Amino acid sequence: MLYQFRYLFFIFVFFCFTNSMALETDWSVGSESQVRLISPLTHNDNQSE
């Protein structure tokens, strides 16, 4: 029983550290990382729909 508890504990710790390492990714500051927001209300020639 103690062996199974120790095995589950190590697996739990491994997954916790794996998730924390996955969240530490670097973002590039290029055009790939920019987001364009599109409004549902568009203004063409100063006219609203």
PDB file of N, CA and C in Angstrom:
ATOM      1  N   MET A   1       0.829  -1.198   0.000  1.00  0.00           N
ATOM      2  CA  MET A   1       0.000   0.000   0.000  1.00  0.00           C
ATOM      3  C   MET A   1       0.868   1.255   0.000  1.00  0.00           C
ATOM      4  N   LEU A   2       1.927   1.247   0.785  1.00  0.00           N
ATOM      5  CA  LEU A   2       2.819   2.397   0.839  1.00  0.00           C
ATOM      6  C   LEU A   2       3.520   2.602  -0.498  1.00  0.00           C
ATOM      7  N   TYR A   3       3.835   1.519  -1.190  1.00  0.00           N
ATOM      8  CA  TYR A   3       4.484   1.618  -2.501  1.00  0.00           C
ATOM      9  C   TYR A   3       3.554   2.293  -3.512  1.00  0.00           C
ATOM     10  N   GLN A   4       2.277   1.953  -3.490  1.00  0.00           N
ATOM     11  CA  GLN A   4       1.322   2.568  -4.414  1.00  0.00           C
ATOM     12  C   GLN A   4       1.132   4.050  -4.102  1.00  0.00           C
ATOM     13  N   PHE A   5       1.088   4.403  -2.834  1.00  0.00           N
ATOM     14  CA  PHE A   5       0.954   5.802  -2.451  1.00  0.00           C
ATOM     15  C   PHE A   5       2.168   6.605  -2.911  1.00  0.00           C
ATOM     16  N   ARG A   6       3.347   6.062  -2.746  1.00  0.00           N
ATOM     17  CA  ARG A   6       4.572   6.740  -3.170  1.00  0.00           C
ATOM     18  C   ARG A   6       4.595   6.893  -4.690  1.00  0.00           C
ATOM     19  N   TYR A   7       4.153   5.887  -5.411  1.00  0.00           N
ATOM     20  CA  TYR A   7       4.105   5.938  -6.874  1.00  0.00           C
ATOM     21  C   TYR A   7       3.149   7.033  -7.344  1.00  0.00           C
ATOM     22  N   LEU A   8       1.957   7.101  -6.761  1.00  0.00           N
ATOM     23  CA  LEU A   8       0.998   8.140  -7.127  1.00  0.00           C
ATOM     24  C   LEU A   8       1.507   9.528  -6.756  1.00  0.00           C
ATOM     25  N   PHE A   9       2.207   9.636  -5.643  1.00  0.00           N
ATOM     26  CA  PHE A   9       2.757  10.923  -5.230  1.00  0.00           C
ATOM     27  C   PHE A   9       3.785  11.425  -6.239  1.00  0.00           C
ATOM     28  N   PHE A  10       4.672  10.556  -6.706  1.00  0.00           N
ATOM     29  CA  PHE A  10       5.683  10.969  -7.678  1.00  0.00           C
ATOM     30  C   PHE A  10       5.048  11.344  -9.016  1.00  0.00           C
ATOM     31  N   ILE A  11       4.018  10.638  -9.420  1.00  0.00           N
ATOM     32  CA  ILE A  11       3.334  10.986 -10.671  1.00  0.00           C
ATOM     33  C   ILE A  11       2.644  12.340 -10.530  1.00  0.00           C
ATOM     34  N   PHE A  12       2.025  12.594  -9.396  1.00  0.00           N
ATOM     35  CA  PHE A  12       1.366  13.879  -9.164  1.00  0.00           C
ATOM     36  C   PHE A  12       2.376  15.023  -9.191  1.00  0.00           C
ATOM     37  N   VAL A  13       3.510  14.850  -8.541  1.00  0.00           N
ATOM     38  CA  VAL A  13       4.546  15.890  -8.522  1.00  0.00           C
ATOM     39  C   VAL A  13       5.096  16.107  -9.921  1.00  0.00           C
ATOM     40  N   PHE A  14       5.290  15.046 -10.678  1.00  0.00           N
ATOM     41  CA  PHE A  14       5.809  15.170 -12.042  1.00  0.00           C
ATOM     42  C   PHE A  14       4.871  16.005 -12.908  1.00  0.00           C
ATOM     43  N   PHE A  15       3.554  15.751 -12.818  1.00  0.00           N
ATOM     44  CA  PHE A  15       2.602  16.509 -13.630  1.00  0.00           C
ATOM     45  C   PHE A  15       2.523  17.967 -13.186  1.00  0.00           C
ATOM     46  N   CYS A  16       2.681  18.231 -11.910  1.00  0.00           N
ATOM     47  CA  CYS A  16       2.659  19.625 -11.444  1.00  0.00           C
ATOM     48  C   CYS A  16       3.835  20.393 -12.021  1.00  0.00           C
ATOM     49  N   PHE A  17       5.030  19.817 -12.001  1.00  0.00           N
ATOM     50  CA  PHE A  17       6.196  20.510 -12.537  1.00  0.00           C
ATOM     51  C   PHE A  17       6.133  20.608 -14.053  1.00  0.00           C
ATOM     52  N   THR A  18       5.555  19.643 -14.718  1.00  0.00           N
ATOM     53  CA  THR A  18       5.435  19.696 -16.174  1.00  0.00           C
ATOM     54  C   THR A  18       4.514  20.838 -16.584  1.00  0.00           C
ATOM     55  N   ASN A  19       3.409  21.023 -15.877  1.00  0.00           N
ATOM     56  CA  ASN A  19       2.492  22.113 -16.205  1.00  0.00           C
ATOM     57  C   ASN A  19       3.122  23.463 -15.933  1.00  0.00           C
ATOM     58  N   SER A  20       3.880  23.593 -14.865  1.00  0.00           N
ATOM     59  CA  SER A  20       4.492  24.884 -14.577  1.00  0.00           C
ATOM     60  C   SER A  20       5.571  25.217 -15.592  1.00  0.00           C
ATOM     61  N   MET A  21       6.273  24.229 -16.105  1.00  0.00           N
ATOM     62  CA  MET A  21       7.274  24.493 -17.127  1.00  0.00           C
ATOM     63  C   MET A  21       6.599  24.851 -18.445  1.00  0.00           C
ATOM     64  N   ALA A  22       5.440  24.320 -18.729  1.00  0.00           N
ATOM     65  CA  ALA A  22       4.755  24.611 -19.979  1.00  0.00           C
ATOM     66  C   ALA A  22       4.213  26.034 -20.002  1.00  0.00           C
ATOM     67  N   LEU A  23       3.937  26.618 -18.847  1.00  0.00           N
ATOM     68  CA  LEU A  23       3.418  27.974 -18.803  1.00  0.00           C
ATOM     69  C   LEU A  23       4.510  29.021 -18.970  1.00  0.00           C
ATOM     70  N   GLU A  24       5.778  28.638 -18.939  1.00  0.00           N
ATOM     71  CA  GLU A  24       6.879  29.582 -19.038  1.00  0.00           C
ATOM     72  C   GLU A  24       7.410  29.668 -20.459  1.00  0.00           C
ATOM     73  N   THR A  25       6.560  29.975 -21.414  1.00  0.00           N
ATOM     74  CA  THR A  25       7.003  30.100 -22.795  1.00  0.00           C
ATOM     75  C   THR A  25       7.208  31.562 -23.134  1.00  0.00           C
ATOM     76  N   ASP A  26       8.163  31.844 -23.999  1.00  0.00           N
ATOM     77  CA  ASP A  26       8.452  33.206 -24.418  1.00  0.00           C
ATOM     78  C   ASP A  26       7.595  33.559 -25.622  1.00  0.00           C
ATOM     79  N   TRP A  27       7.096  34.776 -25.630  1.00  0.00           N
ATOM     80  CA  TRP A  27       6.295  35.276 -26.744  1.00  0.00           C
ATOM     81  C   TRP A  27       7.177  36.135 -27.623  1.00  0.00           C
ATOM     82  N   SER A  28       7.018  35.989 -28.912  1.00  0.00           N
ATOM     83  CA  SER A  28       7.769  36.834 -29.834  1.00  0.00           C
ATOM     84  C   SER A  28       7.071  38.181 -29.961  1.00  0.00           C
ATOM     85  N   VAL A  29       7.834  39.191 -30.339  1.00  0.00           N
ATOM     86  CA  VAL A  29       7.285  40.537 -30.451  1.00  0.00           C
ATOM     87  C   VAL A  29       7.156  40.901 -31.923  1.00  0.00           C
ATOM     88  N   GLY A  30       6.893  39.941 -32.761  1.00  0.00           N
ATOM     89  CA  GLY A  30       6.768  40.180 -34.190  1.00  0.00           C
ATOM     90  C   GLY A  30       5.326  40.320 -34.613  1.00  0.00           C
ATOM     91  N   SER A  31       5.133  40.316 -35.907  1.00  0.00           N
ATOM     92  CA  SER A  31       3.772  40.456 -36.437  1.00  0.00           C
ATOM     93  C   SER A  31       2.939  39.206 -36.169  1.00  0.00           C
ATOM     94  N   GLU A  32       3.590  38.075 -35.855  1.00  0.00           N
ATOM     95  CA  GLU A  32       2.840  36.843 -35.589  1.00  0.00           C
ATOM     96  C   GLU A  32       2.062  36.930 -34.286  1.00  0.00           C
ATOM     97  N   SER A  33       2.557  37.713 -33.328  1.00  0.00           N
ATOM     98  CA  SER A  33       1.923  37.751 -32.016  1.00  0.00           C
ATOM     99  C   SER A  33       0.912  38.880 -31.878  1.00  0.00           C
ATOM    100  N   GLN A  34       0.708  39.663 -32.907  1.00  0.00           N
ATOM    101  CA  GLN A  34      -0.251  40.761 -32.825  1.00  0.00           C
ATOM    102  C   GLN A  34      -1.656  40.245 -33.119  1.00  0.00           C
ATOM    103  N   VAL A  35      -2.626  40.865 -32.477  1.00  0.00           N
ATOM    104  CA  VAL A  35      -4.021  40.458 -32.628  1.00  0.00           C
ATOM    105  C   VAL A  35      -4.793  41.632 -33.202  1.00  0.00           C
ATOM    106  N   ARG A  36      -5.587  41.372 -34.193  1.00  0.00           N
ATOM    107  CA  ARG A  36      -6.422  42.419 -34.786  1.00  0.00           C
ATOM    108  C   ARG A  36      -7.840  42.261 -34.252  1.00  0.00           C
ATOM    109  N   LEU A  37      -8.362  43.335 -33.673  1.00  0.00           N
ATOM    110  CA  LEU A  37      -9.720  43.322 -33.148  1.00  0.00           C
ATOM    111  C   LEU A  37     -10.662  43.869 -34.206  1.00  0.00           C
ATOM    112  N   ILE A  38     -11.735  43.149 -34.453  1.00  0.00           N
ATOM    113  CA  ILE A  38     -12.711  43.550 -35.458  1.00  0.00           C
ATOM    114  C   ILE A  38     -14.013  43.885 -34.739  1.00  0.00           C
ATOM    115  N   SER A  39     -14.459  45.103 -34.905  1.00  0.00           N
ATOM    116  CA  SER A  39     -15.681  45.555 -34.256  1.00  0.00           C
ATOM    117  C   SER A  39     -16.892  45.155 -35.096  1.00  0.00           C
ATOM    118  N   PRO A  40     -17.994  44.772 -34.456  1.00  0.00           N
ATOM    119  CA  PRO A  40     -19.202  44.464 -35.232  1.00  0.00           C
ATOM    120  C   PRO A  40     -19.827  45.719 -35.839  1.00  0.00           C
ATOM    121  N   LEU A  41     -19.515  46.881 -35.282  1.00  0.00           N
ATOM    122  CA  LEU A  41     -20.014  48.142 -35.828  1.00  0.00           C
ATOM    123  C   LEU A  41     -18.905  48.768 -36.657  1.00  0.00           C
ATOM    124  N   THR A  42     -19.093  48.840 -37.955  1.00  0.00           N
ATOM    125  CA  THR A  42     -18.076  49.417 -38.826  1.00  0.00           C
ATOM    126  C   THR A  42     -18.510  50.803 -39.242  1.00  0.00           C
ATOM    127  N   HIS A  43     -17.545  51.665 -39.444  1.00  0.00           N
ATOM    128  CA  HIS A  43     -17.805  53.039 -39.866  1.00  0.00           C
ATOM    129  C   HIS A  43     -17.135  53.239 -41.216  1.00  0.00           C
ATOM    130  N   ASN A  44     -17.921  53.316 -42.271  1.00  0.00           N
ATOM    131  CA  ASN A  44     -17.410  53.546 -43.619  1.00  0.00           C
ATOM    132  C   ASN A  44     -17.845  54.933 -44.068  1.00  0.00           C
ATOM    133  N   ASP A  45     -16.877  55.771 -44.411  1.00  0.00           N
ATOM    134  CA  ASP A  45     -17.147  57.146 -44.863  1.00  0.00           C
ATOM    135  C   ASP A  45     -18.000  57.907 -43.852  1.00  0.00           C
ATOM    136  N   ASN A  46     -17.665  57.742 -42.565  1.00  0.00           N
ATOM    137  CA  ASN A  46     -18.360  58.419 -41.464  1.00  0.00           C
ATOM    138  C   ASN A  46     -19.844  58.075 -41.411  1.00  0.00           C
ATOM    139  N   GLN A  47     -20.217  56.895 -41.834  1.00  0.00           N
ATOM    140  CA  GLN A  47     -21.603  56.444 -41.763  1.00  0.00           C
ATOM    141  C   GLN A  47     -21.649  55.171 -40.932  1.00  0.00           C
ATOM    142  N   SER A  48     -22.545  55.128 -39.969  1.00  0.00           N
ATOM    143  CA  SER A  48     -22.691  53.921 -39.159  1.00  0.00           C
ATOM    144  C   SER A  48     -23.889  53.132 -39.654  1.00  0.00           C
ATOM    145  N   GLU A  49     -23.788  51.832 -39.564  1.00  0.00           N
ATOM    146  CA  GLU A  49     -24.877  50.965 -40.031  1.00  0.00           C
ATOM    147  C   GLU A  49     -25.911  50.782 -38.955  1.00  0.00           C
TER     148      GLU A  49
END
